[in-house]
Amino acid sequence: MIHVQDQPTTLWKVRRDNIEVECRVRLVPYGIEVDLMRAGAVALTRTFETDAEALAWAEGKRSAREADGWQSVPISASGPASRPSS
């Protein structure tokens, strides 16, 4: 059995009416998991076979929220759940 313990990476954050939603992605033994977090707790998890599928789904969720009036929030550059610099 392969043990994968990948640290989550925050792809995006949005806020509306003092509610913040964060999208995190991480590698797991059976694919790539994307979590939508609300108030620091997982509200929804989806698992994908490829990174392209995971990123497309996450982008669709972000776009839908922004179209619904949510505002982008800058992602902190510190901590294990932040987006790596490129």
PDB file of N, CA and C in Angstrom:
ATOM      1  N   MET A   1       0.839  -1.183   0.000  1.00  0.00           N
ATOM      2  CA  MET A   1       0.000   0.000   0.000  1.00  0.00           C
ATOM      3  C   MET A   1       0.885   1.248   0.000  1.00  0.00           C
ATOM      4  N   ILE A   2       0.585   2.176  -0.875  1.00  0.00           N
ATOM      5  CA  ILE A   2       1.329   3.427  -0.976  1.00  0.00           C
ATOM      6  C   ILE A   2       0.668   4.468  -0.089  1.00  0.00           C
ATOM      7  N   HIS A   3       1.473   5.133   0.724  1.00  0.00           N
ATOM      8  CA  HIS A   3       0.959   6.200   1.586  1.00  0.00           C
ATOM      9  C   HIS A   3       1.392   7.545   1.019  1.00  0.00           C
ATOM     10  N   VAL A   4       0.441   8.341   0.629  1.00  0.00           N
ATOM     11  CA  VAL A   4       0.703   9.678   0.114  1.00  0.00           C
ATOM     12  C   VAL A   4       0.142  10.669   1.126  1.00  0.00           C
ATOM     13  N   GLN A   5       0.991  11.548   1.610  1.00  0.00           N
ATOM     14  CA  GLN A   5       0.552  12.553   2.569  1.00  0.00           C
ATOM     15  C   GLN A   5       0.920  13.927   2.041  1.00  0.00           C
ATOM     16  N   ASP A   6       0.232  14.327   1.002  1.00  0.00           N
ATOM     17  CA  ASP A   6       0.490  15.612   0.372  1.00  0.00           C
ATOM     18  C   ASP A   6      -0.169  16.729   1.180  1.00  0.00           C
ATOM     19  N   GLN A   7       0.529  17.840   1.304  1.00  0.00           N
ATOM     20  CA  GLN A   7      -0.037  19.007   1.967  1.00  0.00           C
ATOM     21  C   GLN A   7      -0.978  19.713   0.993  1.00  0.00           C
ATOM     22  N   PRO A   8      -2.130  20.156   1.454  1.00  0.00           N
ATOM     23  CA  PRO A   8      -3.057  20.836   0.540  1.00  0.00           C
ATOM     24  C   PRO A   8      -2.492  22.168   0.048  1.00  0.00           C
ATOM     25  N   THR A   9      -2.857  22.507  -1.171  1.00  0.00           N
ATOM     26  CA  THR A   9      -2.486  23.776  -1.778  1.00  0.00           C
ATOM     27  C   THR A   9      -3.760  24.573  -2.029  1.00  0.00           C
ATOM     28  N   THR A  10      -3.783  25.798  -1.577  1.00  0.00           N
ATOM     29  CA  THR A  10      -4.943  26.662  -1.812  1.00  0.00           C
ATOM     30  C   THR A  10      -4.882  27.205  -3.231  1.00  0.00           C
ATOM     31  N   LEU A  11      -5.934  26.925  -4.001  1.00  0.00           N
ATOM     32  CA  LEU A  11      -6.017  27.427  -5.372  1.00  0.00           C
ATOM     33  C   LEU A  11      -6.622  28.819  -5.420  1.00  0.00           C
ATOM     34  N   TRP A  12      -7.669  29.038  -4.629  1.00  0.00           N
ATOM     35  CA  TRP A  12      -8.335  30.341  -4.611  1.00  0.00           C
ATOM     36  C   TRP A  12      -9.173  30.499  -3.352  1.00  0.00           C
ATOM     37  N   LYS A  13      -9.501  31.770  -3.076  1.00  0.00           N
ATOM     38  CA  LYS A  13     -10.423  32.129  -1.994  1.00  0.00           C
ATOM     39  C   LYS A  13     -11.357  33.197  -2.524  1.00  0.00           C
ATOM     40  N   VAL A  14     -12.605  33.120  -2.099  1.00  0.00           N
ATOM     41  CA  VAL A  14     -13.574  34.165  -2.428  1.00  0.00           C
ATOM     42  C   VAL A  14     -14.359  34.506  -1.166  1.00  0.00           C
ATOM     43  N   ARG A  15     -14.914  35.738  -1.145  1.00  0.00           N
ATOM     44  CA  ARG A  15     -15.662  36.192   0.030  1.00  0.00           C
ATOM     45  C   ARG A  15     -16.892  36.960  -0.435  1.00  0.00           C
ATOM     46  N   ARG A  16     -17.979  36.768   0.332  1.00  0.00           N
ATOM     47  CA  ARG A  16     -19.208  37.544   0.131  1.00  0.00           C
ATOM     48  C   ARG A  16     -19.943  37.582   1.461  1.00  0.00           C
ATOM     49  N   ASP A  17     -20.399  38.756   1.863  1.00  0.00           N
ATOM     50  CA  ASP A  17     -21.159  38.921   3.110  1.00  0.00           C
ATOM     51  C   ASP A  17     -20.462  38.273   4.308  1.00  0.00           C
ATOM     52  N   ASN A  18     -19.158  38.516   4.444  1.00  0.00           N
ATOM     53  CA  ASN A  18     -18.357  37.989   5.558  1.00  0.00           C
ATOM     54  C   ASN A  18     -18.263  36.469   5.582  1.00  0.00           C
ATOM     55  N   ILE A  19     -18.575  35.820   4.489  1.00  0.00           N
ATOM     56  CA  ILE A  19     -18.417  34.367   4.364  1.00  0.00           C
ATOM     57  C   ILE A  19     -17.270  34.123   3.392  1.00  0.00           C
ATOM     58  N   GLU A  20     -16.329  33.282   3.802  1.00  0.00           N
ATOM     59  CA  GLU A  20     -15.190  32.982   2.947  1.00  0.00           C
ATOM     60  C   GLU A  20     -15.217  31.521   2.526  1.00  0.00           C
ATOM     61  N   VAL A  21     -14.990  31.283   1.240  1.00  0.00           N
ATOM     62  CA  VAL A  21     -14.893  29.930   0.695  1.00  0.00           C
ATOM     63  C   VAL A  21     -13.500  29.786   0.103  1.00  0.00           C
ATOM     64  N   GLU A  22     -12.862  28.669   0.407  1.00  0.00           N
ATOM     65  CA  GLU A  22     -11.497  28.409  -0.042  1.00  0.00           C
ATOM     66  C   GLU A  22     -11.483  27.079  -0.783  1.00  0.00           C
ATOM     67  N   CYS A  23     -10.706  27.018  -1.857  1.00  0.00           N
ATOM     68  CA  CYS A  23     -10.568  25.786  -2.624  1.00  0.00           C
ATOM     69  C   CYS A  23      -9.153  25.257  -2.428  1.00  0.00           C
ATOM     70  N   ARG A  24      -9.067  24.024  -1.938  1.00  0.00           N
ATOM     71  CA  ARG A  24      -7.768  23.385  -1.704  1.00  0.00           C
ATOM     72  C   ARG A  24      -7.681  22.098  -2.504  1.00  0.00           C
ATOM     73  N   VAL A  25      -6.488  21.793  -2.964  1.00  0.00           N
ATOM     74  CA  VAL A  25      -6.251  20.578  -3.739  1.00  0.00           C
ATOM     75  C   VAL A  25      -5.074  19.825  -3.121  1.00  0.00           C
ATOM     76  N   ARG A  26      -5.139  18.489  -3.194  1.00  0.00           N
ATOM     77  CA  ARG A  26      -4.030  17.687  -2.679  1.00  0.00           C
ATOM     78  C   ARG A  26      -4.013  16.327  -3.371  1.00  0.00           C
ATOM     79  N   LEU A  27      -2.834  15.751  -3.418  1.00  0.00           N
ATOM     80  CA  LEU A  27      -2.632  14.430  -3.998  1.00  0.00           C
ATOM     81  C   LEU A  27      -2.950  13.370  -2.954  1.00  0.00           C
ATOM     82  N   VAL A  28      -3.741  12.383  -3.339  1.00  0.00           N
ATOM     83  CA  VAL A  28      -4.075  11.256  -2.470  1.00  0.00           C
ATOM     84  C   VAL A  28      -3.777   9.967  -3.238  1.00  0.00           C
ATOM     85  N   PRO A  29      -3.679   8.817  -2.560  1.00  0.00           N
ATOM     86  CA  PRO A  29      -3.301   7.576  -3.259  1.00  0.00           C
ATOM     87  C   PRO A  29      -4.212   7.201  -4.429  1.00  0.00           C
ATOM     88  N   TYR A  30      -5.444   7.638  -4.408  1.00  0.00           N
ATOM     89  CA  TYR A  30      -6.417   7.239  -5.424  1.00  0.00           C
ATOM     90  C   TYR A  30      -6.742   8.365  -6.398  1.00  0.00           C
ATOM     91  N   GLY A  31      -5.956   9.449  -6.388  1.00  0.00           N
ATOM     92  CA  GLY A  31      -6.190  10.536  -7.330  1.00  0.00           C
ATOM     93  C   GLY A  31      -5.862  11.891  -6.741  1.00  0.00           C
ATOM     94  N   ILE A  32      -6.645  12.872  -7.142  1.00  0.00           N
ATOM     95  CA  ILE A  32      -6.468  14.247  -6.677  1.00  0.00           C
ATOM     96  C   ILE A  32      -7.770  14.707  -6.042  1.00  0.00           C
ATOM     97  N   GLU A  33      -7.690  15.144  -4.798  1.00  0.00           N
ATOM     98  CA  GLU A  33      -8.879  15.626  -4.096  1.00  0.00           C
ATOM     99  C   GLU A  33      -8.919  17.141  -4.109  1.00  0.00           C
ATOM    100  N   VAL A  34     -10.120  17.658  -4.325  1.00  0.00           N
ATOM    101  CA  VAL A  34     -10.365  19.091  -4.245  1.00  0.00           C
ATOM    102  C   VAL A  34     -11.398  19.304  -3.146  1.00  0.00           C
ATOM    103  N   ASP A  35     -11.043  20.121  -2.165  1.00  0.00           N
ATOM    104  CA  ASP A  35     -11.948  20.444  -1.061  1.00  0.00           C
ATOM    105  C   ASP A  35     -12.414  21.881  -1.200  1.00  0.00           C
ATOM    106  N   LEU A  36     -13.698  22.113  -1.024  1.00  0.00           N
ATOM    107  CA  LEU A  36     -14.218  23.464  -0.858  1.00  0.00           C
ATOM    108  C   LEU A  36     -14.440  23.641   0.633  1.00  0.00           C
ATOM    109  N   MET A  37     -13.762  24.630   1.196  1.00  0.00           N
ATOM    110  CA  MET A  37     -13.790  24.893   2.630  1.00  0.00           C
ATOM    111  C   MET A  37     -14.659  26.119   2.891  1.00  0.00           C
ATOM    112  N   ARG A  38     -15.450  26.040   3.937  1.00  0.00           N
ATOM    113  CA  ARG A  38     -16.260  27.183   4.363  1.00  0.00           C
ATOM    114  C   ARG A  38     -16.058  27.345   5.861  1.00  0.00           C
ATOM    115  N   ALA A  39     -15.621  28.516   6.267  1.00  0.00           N
ATOM    116  CA  ALA A  39     -15.332  28.797   7.675  1.00  0.00           C
ATOM    117  C   ALA A  39     -14.330  27.786   8.245  1.00  0.00           C
ATOM    118  N   GLY A  40     -13.352  27.388   7.425  1.00  0.00           N
ATOM    119  CA  GLY A  40     -12.305  26.485   7.873  1.00  0.00           C
ATOM    120  C   GLY A  40     -12.661  25.014   7.906  1.00  0.00           C
ATOM    121  N   ALA A  41     -13.887  24.674   7.533  1.00  0.00           N
ATOM    122  CA  ALA A  41     -14.323  23.268   7.537  1.00  0.00           C
ATOM    123  C   ALA A  41     -14.638  22.822   6.110  1.00  0.00           C
ATOM    124  N   VAL A  42     -14.374  21.563   5.833  1.00  0.00           N
ATOM    125  CA  VAL A  42     -14.664  21.025   4.510  1.00  0.00           C
ATOM    126  C   VAL A  42     -16.169  20.973   4.304  1.00  0.00           C
ATOM    127  N   ALA A  43     -16.627  21.631   3.241  1.00  0.00           N
ATOM    128  CA  ALA A  43     -18.048  21.631   2.898  1.00  0.00           C
ATOM    129  C   ALA A  43     -18.345  20.660   1.762  1.00  0.00           C
ATOM    130  N   LEU A  44     -17.341  20.418   0.907  1.00  0.00           N
ATOM    131  CA  LEU A  44     -17.522  19.546  -0.249  1.00  0.00           C
ATOM    132  C   LEU A  44     -16.169  19.018  -0.680  1.00  0.00           C
ATOM    133  N   THR A  45     -16.103  17.730  -1.011  1.00  0.00           N
ATOM    134  CA  THR A  45     -14.882  17.121  -1.535  1.00  0.00           C
ATOM    135  C   THR A  45     -15.216  16.368  -2.809  1.00  0.00           C
ATOM    136  N   ARG A  46     -14.388  16.553  -3.815  1.00  0.00           N
ATOM    137  CA  ARG A  46     -14.501  15.790  -5.065  1.00  0.00           C
ATOM    138  C   ARG A  46     -13.140  15.183  -5.348  1.00  0.00           C
ATOM    139  N   THR A  47     -13.130  13.987  -5.910  1.00  0.00           N
ATOM    140  CA  THR A  47     -11.892  13.306  -6.263  1.00  0.00           C
ATOM    141  C   THR A  47     -11.842  13.114  -7.770  1.00  0.00           C
ATOM    142  N   PHE A  48     -10.667  13.345  -8.346  1.00  0.00           N
ATOM    143  CA  PHE A  48     -10.472  13.250  -9.786  1.00  0.00           C
ATOM    144  C   PHE A  48      -9.270  12.374 -10.093  1.00  0.00           C
ATOM    145  N   GLU A  49      -9.261  11.786 -11.280  1.00  0.00           N
ATOM    146  CA  GLU A  49      -8.142  10.950 -11.705  1.00  0.00           C
ATOM    147  C   GLU A  49      -6.960  11.771 -12.185  1.00  0.00           C
ATOM    148  N   THR A  50      -7.232  12.945 -12.796  1.00  0.00           N
ATOM    149  CA  THR A  50      -6.137  13.747 -13.344  1.00  0.00           C
ATOM    150  C   THR A  50      -6.163  15.165 -12.785  1.00  0.00           C
ATOM    151  N   ASP A  51      -4.997  15.806 -12.847  1.00  0.00           N
ATOM    152  CA  ASP A  51      -4.927  17.191 -12.397  1.00  0.00           C
ATOM    153  C   ASP A  51      -5.738  18.110 -13.306  1.00  0.00           C
ATOM    154  N   ALA A  52      -5.791  17.808 -14.597  1.00  0.00           N
ATOM    155  CA  ALA A  52      -6.566  18.641 -15.522  1.00  0.00           C
ATOM    156  C   ALA A  52      -8.043  18.637 -15.147  1.00  0.00           C
ATOM    157  N   GLU A  53      -8.578  17.474 -14.811  1.00  0.00           N
ATOM    158  CA  GLU A  53      -9.984  17.382 -14.393  1.00  0.00           C
ATOM    159  C   GLU A  53     -10.216  18.160 -13.099  1.00  0.00           C
ATOM    160  N   ALA A  54      -9.309  17.984 -12.140  1.00  0.00           N
ATOM    161  CA  ALA A  54      -9.446  18.657 -10.844  1.00  0.00           C
ATOM    162  C   ALA A  54      -9.396  20.175 -10.998  1.00  0.00           C
ATOM    163  N   LEU A  55      -8.423  20.658 -11.768  1.00  0.00           N
ATOM    164  CA  LEU A  55      -8.277  22.100 -11.941  1.00  0.00           C
ATOM    165  C   LEU A  55      -9.433  22.702 -12.730  1.00  0.00           C
ATOM    166  N   ALA A  56      -9.939  21.980 -13.724  1.00  0.00           N
ATOM    167  CA  ALA A  56     -11.079  22.481 -14.498  1.00  0.00           C
ATOM    168  C   ALA A  56     -12.317  22.587 -13.619  1.00  0.00           C
ATOM    169  N   TRP A  57     -12.550  21.592 -12.766  1.00  0.00           N
ATOM    170  CA  TRP A  57     -13.698  21.617 -11.862  1.00  0.00           C
ATOM    171  C   TRP A  57     -13.571  22.779 -10.883  1.00  0.00           C
ATOM    172  N   ALA A  58     -12.372  22.942 -10.306  1.00  0.00           N
ATOM    173  CA  ALA A  58     -12.135  24.026  -9.342  1.00  0.00           C
ATOM    174  C   ALA A  58     -12.326  25.388 -10.001  1.00  0.00           C
ATOM    175  N   GLU A  59     -11.839  25.542 -11.217  1.00  0.00           N
ATOM    176  CA  GLU A  59     -11.996  26.814 -11.934  1.00  0.00           C
ATOM    177  C   GLU A  59     -13.469  27.095 -12.219  1.00  0.00           C
ATOM    178  N   GLY A  60     -14.217  26.060 -12.554  1.00  0.00           N
ATOM    179  CA  GLY A  60     -15.654  26.229 -12.779  1.00  0.00           C
ATOM    180  C   GLY A  60     -16.377  26.694 -11.525  1.00  0.00           C
ATOM    181  N   LYS A  61     -16.002  26.140 -10.388  1.00  0.00           N
ATOM    182  CA  LYS A  61     -16.613  26.551  -9.114  1.00  0.00           C
ATOM    183  C   LYS A  61     -16.266  28.002  -8.784  1.00  0.00           C
ATOM    184  N   ARG A  62     -15.010  28.381  -9.008  1.00  0.00           N
ATOM    185  CA  ARG A  62     -14.596  29.773  -8.748  1.00  0.00           C
ATOM    186  C   ARG A  62     -15.350  30.732  -9.668  1.00  0.00           C
ATOM    187  N   SER A  63     -15.392  30.410 -10.928  1.00  0.00           N
ATOM    188  CA  SER A  63     -16.075  31.278 -11.907  1.00  0.00           C
ATOM    189  C   SER A  63     -17.548  31.440 -11.567  1.00  0.00           C
ATOM    190  N   ALA A  64     -18.188  30.363 -11.158  1.00  0.00           N
ATOM    191  CA  ALA A  64     -19.612  30.421 -10.804  1.00  0.00           C
ATOM    192  C   ALA A  64     -19.835  31.325  -9.597  1.00  0.00           C
ATOM    193  N   ARG A  65     -18.969  31.233  -8.609  1.00  0.00           N
ATOM    194  CA  ARG A  65     -19.110  32.081  -7.427  1.00  0.00           C
ATOM    195  C   ARG A  65     -18.866  33.547  -7.771  1.00  0.00           C
ATOM    196  N   GLU A  66     -17.841  33.817  -8.563  1.00  0.00           N
ATOM    197  CA  GLU A  66     -17.568  35.200  -8.939  1.00  0.00           C
ATOM    198  C   GLU A  66     -18.724  35.778  -9.760  1.00  0.00           C
ATOM    199  N   ALA A  67     -19.334  34.971 -10.609  1.00  0.00           N
ATOM    200  CA  ALA A  67     -20.492  35.417 -11.383  1.00  0.00           C
ATOM    201  C   ALA A  67     -21.688  35.704 -10.477  1.00  0.00           C
ATOM    202  N   ASP A  68     -21.676  35.084  -9.290  1.00  0.00           N
ATOM    203  CA  ASP A  68     -22.760  35.255  -8.323  1.00  0.00           C
ATOM    204  C   ASP A  68     -22.455  36.354  -7.299  1.00  0.00           C
ATOM    205  N   GLY A  69     -21.382  37.128  -7.553  1.00  0.00           N
ATOM    206  CA  GLY A  69     -21.094  38.268  -6.688  1.00  0.00           C
ATOM    207  C   GLY A  69     -20.014  38.054  -5.648  1.00  0.00           C
ATOM    208  N   TRP A  70     -19.376  36.887  -5.598  1.00  0.00           N
ATOM    209  CA  TRP A  70     -18.282  36.654  -4.665  1.00  0.00           C
ATOM    210  C   TRP A  70     -17.056  37.402  -5.165  1.00  0.00           C
ATOM    211  N   GLN A  71     -16.237  37.907  -4.237  1.00  0.00           N
ATOM    212  CA  GLN A  71     -15.028  38.660  -4.564  1.00  0.00           C
ATOM    213  C   GLN A  71     -13.792  37.821  -4.256  1.00  0.00           C
ATOM    214  N   SER A  72     -12.804  37.871  -5.140  1.00  0.00           N
ATOM    215  CA  SER A  72     -11.540  37.164  -4.915  1.00  0.00           C
ATOM    216  C   SER A  72     -10.830  37.725  -3.690  1.00  0.00           C
ATOM    217  N   VAL A  73     -10.176  36.850  -2.945  1.00  0.00           N
ATOM    218  CA  VAL A  73      -9.406  37.219  -1.763  1.00  0.00           C
ATOM    219  C   VAL A  73      -7.966  36.795  -2.016  1.00  0.00           C
ATOM    220  N   PRO A  74      -6.989  37.665  -1.739  1.00  0.00           N
ATOM    221  CA  PRO A  74      -5.584  37.274  -1.917  1.00  0.00           C
ATOM    222  C   PRO A  74      -5.248  36.059  -1.054  1.00  0.00           C
ATOM    223  N   ILE A  75      -4.398  35.212  -1.597  1.00  0.00           N
ATOM    224  CA  ILE A  75      -3.962  34.011  -0.875  1.00  0.00           C
ATOM    225  C   ILE A  75      -2.673  34.336  -0.146  1.00  0.00           C
ATOM    226  N   SER A  76      -2.630  34.001   1.134  1.00  0.00           N
ATOM    227  CA  SER A  76      -1.443  34.222   1.953  1.00  0.00           C
ATOM    228  C   SER A  76      -0.277  33.415   1.397  1.00  0.00           C
ATOM    229  N   ALA A  77       0.914  33.988   1.436  1.00  0.00           N
ATOM    230  CA  ALA A  77       2.106  33.305   0.924  1.00  0.00           C
ATOM    231  C   ALA A  77       2.772  32.430   1.966  1.00  0.00           C
ATOM    232  N   SER A  78       2.189  32.318   3.151  1.00  0.00           N
ATOM    233  CA  SER A  78       2.814  31.510   4.195  1.00  0.00           C
ATOM    234  C   SER A  78       1.904  30.358   4.564  1.00  0.00           C
ATOM    235  N   GLY A  79       2.512  29.315   5.133  1.00  0.00           N
ATOM    236  CA  GLY A  79       1.739  28.159   5.597  1.00  0.00           C
ATOM    237  C   GLY A  79       1.668  27.074   4.557  1.00  0.00           C
ATOM    238  N   PRO A  80       1.440  25.817   5.004  1.00  0.00           N
ATOM    239  CA  PRO A  80       1.446  24.677   4.100  1.00  0.00           C
ATOM    240  C   PRO A  80       0.266  24.652   3.140  1.00  0.00           C
ATOM    241  N   ALA A  81      -0.804  25.373   3.437  1.00  0.00           N
ATOM    242  CA  ALA A  81      -1.975  25.315   2.569  1.00  0.00           C
ATOM    243  C   ALA A  81      -2.021  26.465   1.584  1.00  0.00           C
ATOM    244  N   SER A  82      -0.928  27.178   1.437  1.00  0.00           N
ATOM    245  CA  SER A  82      -0.906  28.285   0.487  1.00  0.00           C
ATOM    246  C   SER A  82      -0.374  27.819  -0.854  1.00  0.00           C
ATOM    247  N   ARG A  83      -0.640  28.603  -1.878  1.00  0.00           N
ATOM    248  CA  ARG A  83      -0.198  28.287  -3.218  1.00  0.00           C
ATOM    249  C   ARG A  83       1.317  28.481  -3.297  1.00  0.00           C
ATOM    250  N   PRO A  84       2.027  27.505  -3.876  1.00  0.00           N
ATOM    251  CA  PRO A  84       3.486  27.672  -4.020  1.00  0.00           C
ATOM    252  C   PRO A  84       3.799  28.775  -5.026  1.00  0.00           C
ATOM    253  N   SER A  85       4.890  29.483  -4.779  1.00  0.00           N
ATOM    254  CA  SER A  85       5.273  30.523  -5.731  1.00  0.00           C
ATOM    255  C   SER A  85       5.909  29.891  -6.950  1.00  0.00           C
ATOM    256  N   SER A  86       5.710  30.520  -8.105  1.00  0.00           N
ATOM    257  CA  SER A  86       6.277  29.954  -9.337  1.00  0.00           C
ATOM    258  C   SER A  86       7.217  30.902 -10.010  1.00  0.00           C
TER     259      SER A  86
END
